[in-house]
PDB file of N, CA and C in Angstrom:
ATOM      1  N   MET A   1     -17.824  23.792  20.931  1.00  0.00           N
ATOM      2  CA  MET A   1     -17.616  22.764  21.828  1.00  0.00           C
ATOM      3  C   MET A   1     -18.350  21.371  21.579  1.00  0.00           C
ATOM      4  N   LEU A   2     -19.413  21.384  20.674  1.00  0.00           N
ATOM      5  CA  LEU A   2     -20.202  20.316  20.058  1.00  0.00           C
ATOM      6  C   LEU A   2     -19.080  19.946  19.028  1.00  0.00           C
ATOM      7  N   THR A   3     -18.573  20.397  18.480  1.00  0.00           N
ATOM      8  CA  THR A   3     -17.673  20.026  17.256  1.00  0.00           C
ATOM      9  C   THR A   3     -16.519  19.333  17.880  1.00  0.00           C
ATOM     10  N   TYR A   4     -15.978  19.707  19.112  1.00  0.00           N
ATOM     11  CA  TYR A   4     -14.707  18.927  19.629  1.00  0.00           C
ATOM     12  C   TYR A   4     -15.250  17.626  20.179  1.00  0.00           C
ATOM     13  N   LEU A   5     -16.675  17.745  20.713  1.00  0.00           N
ATOM     14  CA  LEU A   5     -16.894  16.438  21.335  1.00  0.00           C
ATOM     15  C   LEU A   5     -17.074  15.381  19.877  1.00  0.00           C
ATOM     16  N   ILE A   6     -17.709  15.795  18.978  1.00  0.00           N
ATOM     17  CA  ILE A   6     -18.119  14.918  17.884  1.00  0.00           C
ATOM     18  C   ILE A   6     -16.354  14.349  17.219  1.00  0.00           C
ATOM     19  N   LEU A   7     -15.615  15.448  17.167  1.00  0.00           N
ATOM     20  CA  LEU A   7     -14.023  15.176  17.069  1.00  0.00           C
ATOM     21  C   LEU A   7     -13.526  14.098  17.852  1.00  0.00           C
ATOM     22  N   ALA A   8     -13.720  14.252  19.183  1.00  0.00           N
ATOM     23  CA  ALA A   8     -13.388  13.174  19.923  1.00  0.00           C
ATOM     24  C   ALA A   8     -13.861  11.892  19.844  1.00  0.00           C
ATOM     25  N   LEU A   9     -15.250  11.639  19.674  1.00  0.00           N
ATOM     26  CA  LEU A   9     -15.774  10.420  19.241  1.00  0.00           C
ATOM     27  C   LEU A   9     -15.362   9.924  18.372  1.00  0.00           C
ATOM     28  N   LEU A  10     -15.118  10.691  17.060  1.00  0.00           N
ATOM     29  CA  LEU A  10     -14.525  10.170  15.803  1.00  0.00           C
ATOM     30  C   LEU A  10     -13.146   9.796  15.891  1.00  0.00           C
ATOM     31  N   VAL A  11     -12.233  10.340  16.868  1.00  0.00           N
ATOM     32  CA  VAL A  11     -10.821   9.867  17.338  1.00  0.00           C
ATOM     33  C   VAL A  11     -10.912   8.246  17.894  1.00  0.00           C
ATOM     34  N   GLY A  12     -11.971   8.665  18.966  1.00  0.00           N
ATOM     35  CA  GLY A  12     -12.229   7.190  19.763  1.00  0.00           C
ATOM     36  C   GLY A  12     -12.545   6.011  18.844  1.00  0.00           C
ATOM     37  N   VAL A  13     -13.607   6.398  17.705  1.00  0.00           N
ATOM     38  CA  VAL A  13     -13.724   5.039  16.905  1.00  0.00           C
ATOM     39  C   VAL A  13     -12.724   4.629  15.885  1.00  0.00           C
ATOM     40  N   VAL A  14     -11.852   5.937  15.439  1.00  0.00           N
ATOM     41  CA  VAL A  14     -10.775   5.313  14.805  1.00  0.00           C
ATOM     42  C   VAL A  14      -9.361   4.430  15.624  1.00  0.00           C
ATOM     43  N   VAL A  15      -9.427   4.894  16.741  1.00  0.00           N
ATOM     44  CA  VAL A  15      -8.468   4.463  17.781  1.00  0.00           C
ATOM     45  C   VAL A  15      -8.721   3.063  18.090  1.00  0.00           C
ATOM     46  N   ARG A  16     -10.011   2.685  18.473  1.00  0.00           N
ATOM     47  CA  ARG A  16     -10.910   1.507  18.594  1.00  0.00           C
ATOM     48  C   ARG A  16     -10.785   0.662  17.380  1.00  0.00           C
ATOM     49  N   THR A  17     -10.998   1.053  16.441  1.00  0.00           N
ATOM     50  CA  THR A  17     -10.805   0.133  15.276  1.00  0.00           C
ATOM     51  C   THR A  17      -9.243  -0.091  15.268  1.00  0.00           C
ATOM     52  N   MET A  18      -8.196   0.748  15.252  1.00  0.00           N
ATOM     53  CA  MET A  18      -6.826   0.224  15.166  1.00  0.00           C
ATOM     54  C   MET A  18      -6.672  -0.892  16.384  1.00  0.00           C
ATOM     55  N   ALA A  19      -7.020  -0.652  17.556  1.00  0.00           N
ATOM     56  CA  ALA A  19      -6.520  -1.630  18.434  1.00  0.00           C
ATOM     57  C   ALA A  19      -7.039  -2.700  18.035  1.00  0.00           C
ATOM     58  N   THR A  20      -8.349  -2.910  17.850  1.00  0.00           N
ATOM     59  CA  THR A  20      -8.885  -4.372  17.268  1.00  0.00           C
ATOM     60  C   THR A  20      -8.102  -4.673  16.369  1.00  0.00           C
ATOM     61  N   THR A  21      -7.511  -3.677  15.130  1.00  0.00           N
ATOM     62  CA  THR A  21      -7.003  -4.736  13.977  1.00  0.00           C
ATOM     63  C   THR A  21      -5.474  -5.030  14.499  1.00  0.00           C
ATOM     64  N   ARG A  22      -4.857  -4.326  15.642  1.00  0.00           N
ATOM     65  CA  ARG A  22      -3.573  -4.795  16.116  1.00  0.00           C
ATOM     66  C   ARG A  22      -3.804  -6.218  16.866  1.00  0.00           C
ATOM     67  N   GLN A  23      -4.828  -6.256  17.495  1.00  0.00           N
ATOM     68  CA  GLN A  23      -4.965  -7.228  18.833  1.00  0.00           C
ATOM     69  C   GLN A  23      -5.095  -8.571  18.018  1.00  0.00           C
ATOM     70  N   GLY A  24      -6.186  -8.811  17.249  1.00  0.00           N
ATOM     71  CA  GLY A  24      -6.596 -10.180  16.732  1.00  0.00           C
ATOM     72  C   GLY A  24      -6.906 -10.136  15.357  1.00  0.00           C
ATOM     73  N   GLY A  25      -5.851  -9.498  14.417  1.00  0.00           N
ATOM     74  CA  GLY A  25      -6.192  -9.358  13.157  1.00  0.00           C
ATOM     75  C   GLY A  25      -7.377  -8.484  12.598  1.00  0.00           C
ATOM     76  N   ALA A  26      -7.728  -8.659  11.521  1.00  0.00           N
ATOM     77  CA  ALA A  26      -8.646  -7.546  10.754  1.00  0.00           C
ATOM     78  C   ALA A  26     -10.186  -7.801  11.761  1.00  0.00           C
ATOM     79  N   ALA A  27     -11.182  -6.732  11.668  1.00  0.00           N
ATOM     80  CA  ALA A  27     -12.418  -6.712  12.281  1.00  0.00           C
ATOM     81  C   ALA A  27     -13.026  -7.370  11.213  1.00  0.00           C
ATOM     82  N   SER A  28     -14.206  -7.999  12.072  1.00  0.00           N
ATOM     83  CA  SER A  28     -15.226  -8.648  11.241  1.00  0.00           C
ATOM     84  C   SER A  28     -16.111  -7.899  10.335  1.00  0.00           C
ATOM     85  N   ASP A  29     -16.675  -8.434   9.245  1.00  0.00           N
ATOM     86  CA  ASP A  29     -17.313  -7.696   8.387  1.00  0.00           C
ATOM     87  C   ASP A  29     -18.525  -6.946   8.854  1.00  0.00           C
ATOM     88  N   LYS A  30     -19.049  -7.714  10.077  1.00  0.00           N
ATOM     89  CA  LYS A  30     -20.191  -6.828  10.960  1.00  0.00           C
ATOM     90  C   LYS A  30     -19.437  -5.735  11.473  1.00  0.00           C
ATOM     91  N   GLU A  31     -18.414  -5.877  11.912  1.00  0.00           N
ATOM     92  CA  GLU A  31     -17.620  -4.584  12.496  1.00  0.00           C
ATOM     93  C   GLU A  31     -17.569  -3.359  11.637  1.00  0.00           C
ATOM     94  N   LEU A  32     -16.957  -3.875  10.777  1.00  0.00           N
ATOM     95  CA  LEU A  32     -16.725  -2.708   9.456  1.00  0.00           C
ATOM     96  C   LEU A  32     -18.137  -2.163   8.993  1.00  0.00           C
ATOM     97  N   THR A  33     -19.004  -3.044   9.072  1.00  0.00           N
ATOM     98  CA  THR A  33     -20.444  -2.368   8.307  1.00  0.00           C
ATOM     99  C   THR A  33     -20.972  -1.673   9.585  1.00  0.00           C
ATOM    100  N   GLU A  34     -20.912  -1.910  10.820  1.00  0.00           N
ATOM    101  CA  GLU A  34     -21.157  -1.162  11.894  1.00  0.00           C
ATOM    102  C   GLU A  34     -20.414   0.303  12.122  1.00  0.00           C
ATOM    103  N   LEU A  35     -19.262   0.447  11.895  1.00  0.00           N
ATOM    104  CA  LEU A  35     -18.399   1.564  11.849  1.00  0.00           C
ATOM    105  C   LEU A  35     -18.736   2.362  10.670  1.00  0.00           C
ATOM    106  N   ARG A  36     -18.976   1.671   9.462  1.00  0.00           N
ATOM    107  CA  ARG A  36     -19.214   2.408   8.366  1.00  0.00           C
ATOM    108  C   ARG A  36     -20.653   3.206   8.620  1.00  0.00           C
ATOM    109  N   GLU A  37     -21.414   2.592   9.226  1.00  0.00           N
ATOM    110  CA  GLU A  37     -22.997   3.064   9.614  1.00  0.00           C
ATOM    111  C   GLU A  37     -22.740   4.145  10.399  1.00  0.00           C
ATOM    112  N   ARG A  38     -21.825   4.095  11.441  1.00  0.00           N
ATOM    113  CA  ARG A  38     -21.751   5.003  12.562  1.00  0.00           C
ATOM    114  C   ARG A  38     -21.050   6.189  11.760  1.00  0.00           C
ATOM    115  N   MET A  39     -20.097   6.071  11.127  1.00  0.00           N
ATOM    116  CA  MET A  39     -19.452   7.029  10.812  1.00  0.00           C
ATOM    117  C   MET A  39     -20.170   7.905   9.608  1.00  0.00           C
ATOM    118  N   LEU A  40     -21.123   7.258   8.845  1.00  0.00           N
ATOM    119  CA  LEU A  40     -22.269   8.003   7.800  1.00  0.00           C
ATOM    120  C   LEU A  40     -23.032   8.751   8.881  1.00  0.00           C
ATOM    121  N   ARG A  41     -23.586   8.310   9.842  1.00  0.00           N
ATOM    122  CA  ARG A  41     -24.574   8.808  10.836  1.00  0.00           C
ATOM    123  C   ARG A  41     -23.682  10.259  11.534  1.00  0.00           C
ATOM    124  N   LEU A  42     -22.375   9.740  11.578  1.00  0.00           N
ATOM    125  CA  LEU A  42     -21.808  11.388  12.233  1.00  0.00           C
ATOM    126  C   LEU A  42     -21.510  12.113  11.167  1.00  0.00           C
ATOM    127  N   GLU A  43     -21.302  11.858  10.031  1.00  0.00           N
ATOM    128  CA  GLU A  43     -21.206  12.679   8.893  1.00  0.00           C
ATOM    129  C   GLU A  43     -22.149  13.529   8.518  1.00  0.00           C
ATOM    130  N   GLN A  44     -23.072  12.910   8.462  1.00  0.00           N
ATOM    131  CA  GLN A  44     -24.610  13.633   8.490  1.00  0.00           C
ATOM    132  C   GLN A  44     -25.178  14.395   9.537  1.00  0.00           C
ATOM    133  N   SER A  45     -24.707  14.031  10.919  1.00  0.00           N
ATOM    134  CA  SER A  45     -25.015  14.934  11.704  1.00  0.00           C
ATOM    135  C   SER A  45     -24.061  16.308  11.848  1.00  0.00           C
ATOM    136  N   LEU A  46     -22.952  15.893  11.656  1.00  0.00           N
ATOM    137  CA  LEU A  46     -22.108  17.139  11.470  1.00  0.00           C
ATOM    138  C   LEU A  46     -22.158  17.873  10.124  1.00  0.00           C
ATOM    139  N   GLU A  47     -22.686  17.490   9.199  1.00  0.00           N
ATOM    140  CA  GLU A  47     -23.496  18.104   7.825  1.00  0.00           C
ATOM    141  C   GLU A  47     -24.436  18.929   8.644  1.00  0.00           C
ATOM    142  N   THR A  48     -25.386  18.540   9.273  1.00  0.00           N
ATOM    143  CA  THR A  48     -26.748  18.960   9.750  1.00  0.00           C
ATOM    144  C   THR A  48     -26.127  20.292  10.826  1.00  0.00           C
ATOM    145  N   MET A  49     -25.351  20.030  11.569  1.00  0.00           N
ATOM    146  CA  MET A  49     -24.966  21.255  12.516  1.00  0.00           C
ATOM    147  C   MET A  49     -24.183  22.006  11.954  1.00  0.00           C
ATOM    148  N   THR A  50     -23.132  21.780  10.750  1.00  0.00           N
ATOM    149  CA  THR A  50     -22.702  22.881  10.043  1.00  0.00           C
ATOM    150  C   THR A  50     -23.832  24.015   9.319  1.00  0.00           C
ATOM    151  N   ALA A  51     -24.910  23.217   8.867  1.00  0.00           N
ATOM    152  CA  ALA A  51     -25.800  24.294   7.930  1.00  0.00           C
ATOM    153  C   ALA A  51     -26.596  24.903   9.151  1.00  0.00           C
ATOM    154  N   ASP A  52     -26.915  24.435  10.376  1.00  0.00           N
ATOM    155  CA  ASP A  52     -27.534  25.260  11.623  1.00  0.00           C
ATOM    156  C   ASP A  52     -26.676  26.318  11.809  1.00  0.00           C
ATOM    157  N   MET A  53     -25.525  26.515  12.100  1.00  0.00           N
ATOM    158  CA  MET A  53     -24.568  27.103  12.553  1.00  0.00           C
ATOM    159  C   MET A  53     -24.320  28.115  11.336  1.00  0.00           C
ATOM    160  N   GLU A  54     -24.461  27.899  10.198  1.00  0.00           N
ATOM    161  CA  GLU A  54     -24.345  28.741   9.123  1.00  0.00           C
ATOM    162  C   GLU A  54     -25.683  29.905   9.224  1.00  0.00           C
ATOM    163  N   ARG A  55     -26.965  29.300   9.462  1.00  0.00           N
ATOM    164  CA  ARG A  55     -28.231  29.772   9.753  1.00  0.00           C
ATOM    165  C   ARG A  55     -28.062  31.018  10.713  1.00  0.00           C
ATOM    166  N   VAL A  56     -27.541  30.119  12.290  1.00  0.00           N
ATOM    167  CA  VAL A  56     -27.463  31.409  13.223  1.00  0.00           C
ATOM    168  C   VAL A  56     -26.455  32.254  12.693  1.00  0.00           C
ATOM    169  N   SER A  57     -25.337  32.146  12.249  1.00  0.00           N
ATOM    170  CA  SER A  57     -24.359  33.346  11.436  1.00  0.00           C
ATOM    171  C   SER A  57     -25.199  34.174  10.955  1.00  0.00           C
ATOM    172  N   GLU A  58     -25.990  33.898   9.905  1.00  0.00           N
ATOM    173  CA  GLU A  58     -26.676  34.779   8.884  1.00  0.00           C
ATOM    174  C   GLU A  58     -27.490  35.493   9.576  1.00  0.00           C
ATOM    175  N   GLY A  59     -28.001  35.113  10.612  1.00  0.00           N
ATOM    176  CA  GLY A  59     -28.928  35.803  11.411  1.00  0.00           C
ATOM    177  C   GLY A  59     -28.527  36.696  12.286  1.00  0.00           C
ATOM    178  N   GLN A  60     -27.290  36.340  12.728  1.00  0.00           N
ATOM    179  CA  GLN A  60     -26.408  37.237  13.567  1.00  0.00           C
ATOM    180  C   GLN A  60     -25.946  38.547  12.652  1.00  0.00           C
ATOM    181  N   ARG A  61     -25.551  38.447  11.649  1.00  0.00           N
ATOM    182  CA  ARG A  61     -24.926  39.185  10.449  1.00  0.00           C
ATOM    183  C   ARG A  61     -26.546  40.274  10.114  1.00  0.00           C
ATOM    184  N   PHE A  62     -27.367  39.532  10.102  1.00  0.00           N
ATOM    185  CA  PHE A  62     -28.734  40.173   9.666  1.00  0.00           C
ATOM    186  C   PHE A  62     -29.048  41.498  10.677  1.00  0.00           C
ATOM    187  N   LEU A  63     -28.987  40.796  12.156  1.00  0.00           N
ATOM    188  CA  LEU A  63     -29.568  41.501  13.135  1.00  0.00           C
ATOM    189  C   LEU A  63     -28.418  42.810  13.173  1.00  0.00           C
ATOM    190  N   THR A  64     -27.133  42.508  13.277  1.00  0.00           N
ATOM    191  CA  THR A  64     -26.058  43.637  13.366  1.00  0.00           C
ATOM    192  C   THR A  64     -26.030  44.432  12.282  1.00  0.00           C
ATOM    193  N   ALA A  65     -26.926  44.022  10.904  1.00  0.00           N
ATOM    194  CA  ALA A  65     -26.971  45.210  10.060  1.00  0.00           C
ATOM    195  C   ALA A  65     -28.082  45.982  10.423  1.00  0.00           C
ATOM    196  N   LEU A  66     -29.149  45.475  10.679  1.00  0.00           N
ATOM    197  CA  LEU A  66     -30.547  45.946  11.143  1.00  0.00           C
ATOM    198  C   LEU A  66     -30.418  46.871  12.473  1.00  0.00           C
ATOM    199  N   LEU A  67     -29.474  46.604  13.242  1.00  0.00           N
ATOM    200  CA  LEU A  67     -29.445  47.409  14.294  1.00  0.00           C
ATOM    201  C   LEU A  67     -28.261  48.766  14.087  1.00  0.00           C
ATOM    202  N   GLU A  68     -27.511  48.454  13.028  1.00  0.00           N
ATOM    203  CA  GLU A  68     -26.718  49.453  12.780  1.00  0.00           C
ATOM    204  C   GLU A  68     -27.309  50.625  11.632  1.00  0.00           C
ATOM    205  N   GLU A  69     -28.326  49.971  11.263  1.00  0.00           N
ATOM    206  CA  GLU A  69     -29.166  50.812  10.259  1.00  0.00           C
ATOM    207  C   GLU A  69     -29.901  51.677  10.964  1.00  0.00           C
ATOM    208  N   ARG A  70     -30.693  50.869  12.204  1.00  0.00           N
ATOM    209  CA  ARG A  70     -31.381  51.743  13.453  1.00  0.00           C
ATOM    210  C   ARG A  70     -30.379  53.031  13.832  1.00  0.00           C
ATOM    211  N   ALA A  71     -29.163  52.198  14.227  1.00  0.00           N
ATOM    212  CA  ALA A  71     -28.430  53.450  14.890  1.00  0.00           C
ATOM    213  C   ALA A  71     -28.230  54.936  14.039  1.00  0.00           C
ATOM    214  N   ARG A  72     -28.125  54.386  12.856  1.00  0.00           N
ATOM    215  CA  ARG A  72     -28.050  55.711  11.672  1.00  0.00           C
ATOM    216  C   ARG A  72     -29.396  56.657  11.519  1.00  0.00           C
ATOM    217  N   THR A  73     -30.104  56.196  11.710  1.00  0.00           N
ATOM    218  CA  THR A  73     -31.363  56.670  11.256  1.00  0.00           C
ATOM    219  C   THR A  73     -32.015  57.192  12.627  1.00  0.00           C
ATOM    220  N   GLN A  74     -31.964  56.877  13.507  1.00  0.00           N
ATOM    221  CA  GLN A  74     -32.416  57.515  14.867  1.00  0.00           C
ATOM    222  C   GLN A  74     -31.628  58.445  15.764  1.00  0.00           C
ATOM    223  N   PRO A  75     -32.098  59.782  16.240  1.00  0.00           N
ATOM    224  CA  PRO A  75     -31.114  60.429  16.782  1.00  0.00           C
ATOM    225  C   PRO A  75     -30.714  59.674  18.124  1.00  0.00           C
ATOM    226  N   VAL A  76     -29.442  60.228  18.587  1.00  0.00           N
ATOM    227  CA  VAL A  76     -28.531  59.905  19.537  1.00  0.00           C
ATOM    228  C   VAL A  76     -29.354  60.338  20.839  1.00  0.00           C
ATOM    229  N   ILE A  77     -29.439  59.514  21.559  1.00  0.00           N
ATOM    230  CA  ILE A  77     -30.060  60.034  23.081  1.00  0.00           C
ATOM    231  C   ILE A  77     -29.253  60.090  24.200  1.00  0.00           C
ATOM    232  N   LYS A  78     -29.132  61.598  24.601  1.00  0.00           N
ATOM    233  CA  LYS A  78     -28.092  61.462  25.739  1.00  0.00           C
ATOM    234  C   LYS A  78     -28.589  61.563  27.039  1.00  0.00           C
ATOM    235  N   PRO A  79     -27.891  60.802  27.947  1.00  0.00           N
ATOM    236  CA  PRO A  79     -28.171  60.917  29.043  1.00  0.00           C
ATOM    237  C   PRO A  79     -28.356  62.159  29.951  1.00  0.00           C
ATOM    238  N   PRO A  80     -29.161  62.375  30.877  1.00  0.00           N
ATOM    239  CA  PRO A  80     -29.591  63.646  31.390  1.00  0.00           C
ATOM    240  C   PRO A  80     -28.234  64.189  32.097  1.00  0.00           C
ATOM    241  N   PRO A  81     -28.005  65.610  32.342  1.00  0.00           N
ATOM    242  CA  PRO A  81     -26.848  65.942  33.006  1.00  0.00           C
ATOM    243  C   PRO A  81     -26.986  65.782  34.582  1.00  0.00           C
ATOM    244  N   PRO A  82     -25.809  65.405  35.357  1.00  0.00           N
ATOM    245  CA  PRO A  82     -26.261  65.138  36.635  1.00  0.00           C
ATOM    246  C   PRO A  82     -26.054  66.147  37.240  1.00  0.00           C
ATOM    247  N   PRO A  83     -26.776  65.797  38.620  1.00  0.00           N
ATOM    248  CA  PRO A  83     -27.602  66.856  39.595  1.00  0.00           C
ATOM    249  C   PRO A  83     -26.574  67.924  39.868  1.00  0.00           C
ATOM    250  N   PRO A  84     -27.137  69.277  40.315  1.00  0.00           N
ATOM    251  CA  PRO A  84     -25.603  70.115  40.584  1.00  0.00           C
ATOM    252  C   PRO A  84     -25.294  69.711  41.963  1.00  0.00           C
ATOM    253  N   PRO A  85     -24.029  70.107  42.824  1.00  0.00           N
ATOM    254  CA  PRO A  85     -23.635  69.437  43.710  1.00  0.00           C
ATOM    255  C   PRO A  85     -24.402  70.338  45.020  1.00  0.00           C
ATOM    256  N   GLY A  86     -24.813  69.339  45.827  1.00  0.00           N
ATOM    257  CA  GLY A  86     -25.064  70.285  47.238  1.00  0.00           C
ATOM    258  C   GLY A  86     -26.952  70.205  47.233  1.00  0.00           C
ATOM    259  N   GLY A  87     -27.403  70.313  45.967  1.00  0.00           N
ATOM    260  CA  GLY A  87     -28.837  70.213  45.942  1.00  0.00           C
ATOM    261  C   GLY A  87     -29.544  69.476  45.317  1.00  0.00           C
TER     262      GLY A  87
END
């Protein structure tokens, strides 16, 4: 979901830039520099989130393998039988 939010932000920046360009000519150097800086920060944030998500995925894979190994080595515990009727 966060990825979609970042993607929406990115699209908004691009659309705003295109609208500025169409309305009054090219954007000023200051605006272009600001947009480049924002895009760089956005790219760095996205790379950081990607690395974090990969770490989470690795943790999930490890935990799944650990639980599967435990399930193979430990005996299966069966629930107790239901009580006899009427008693």
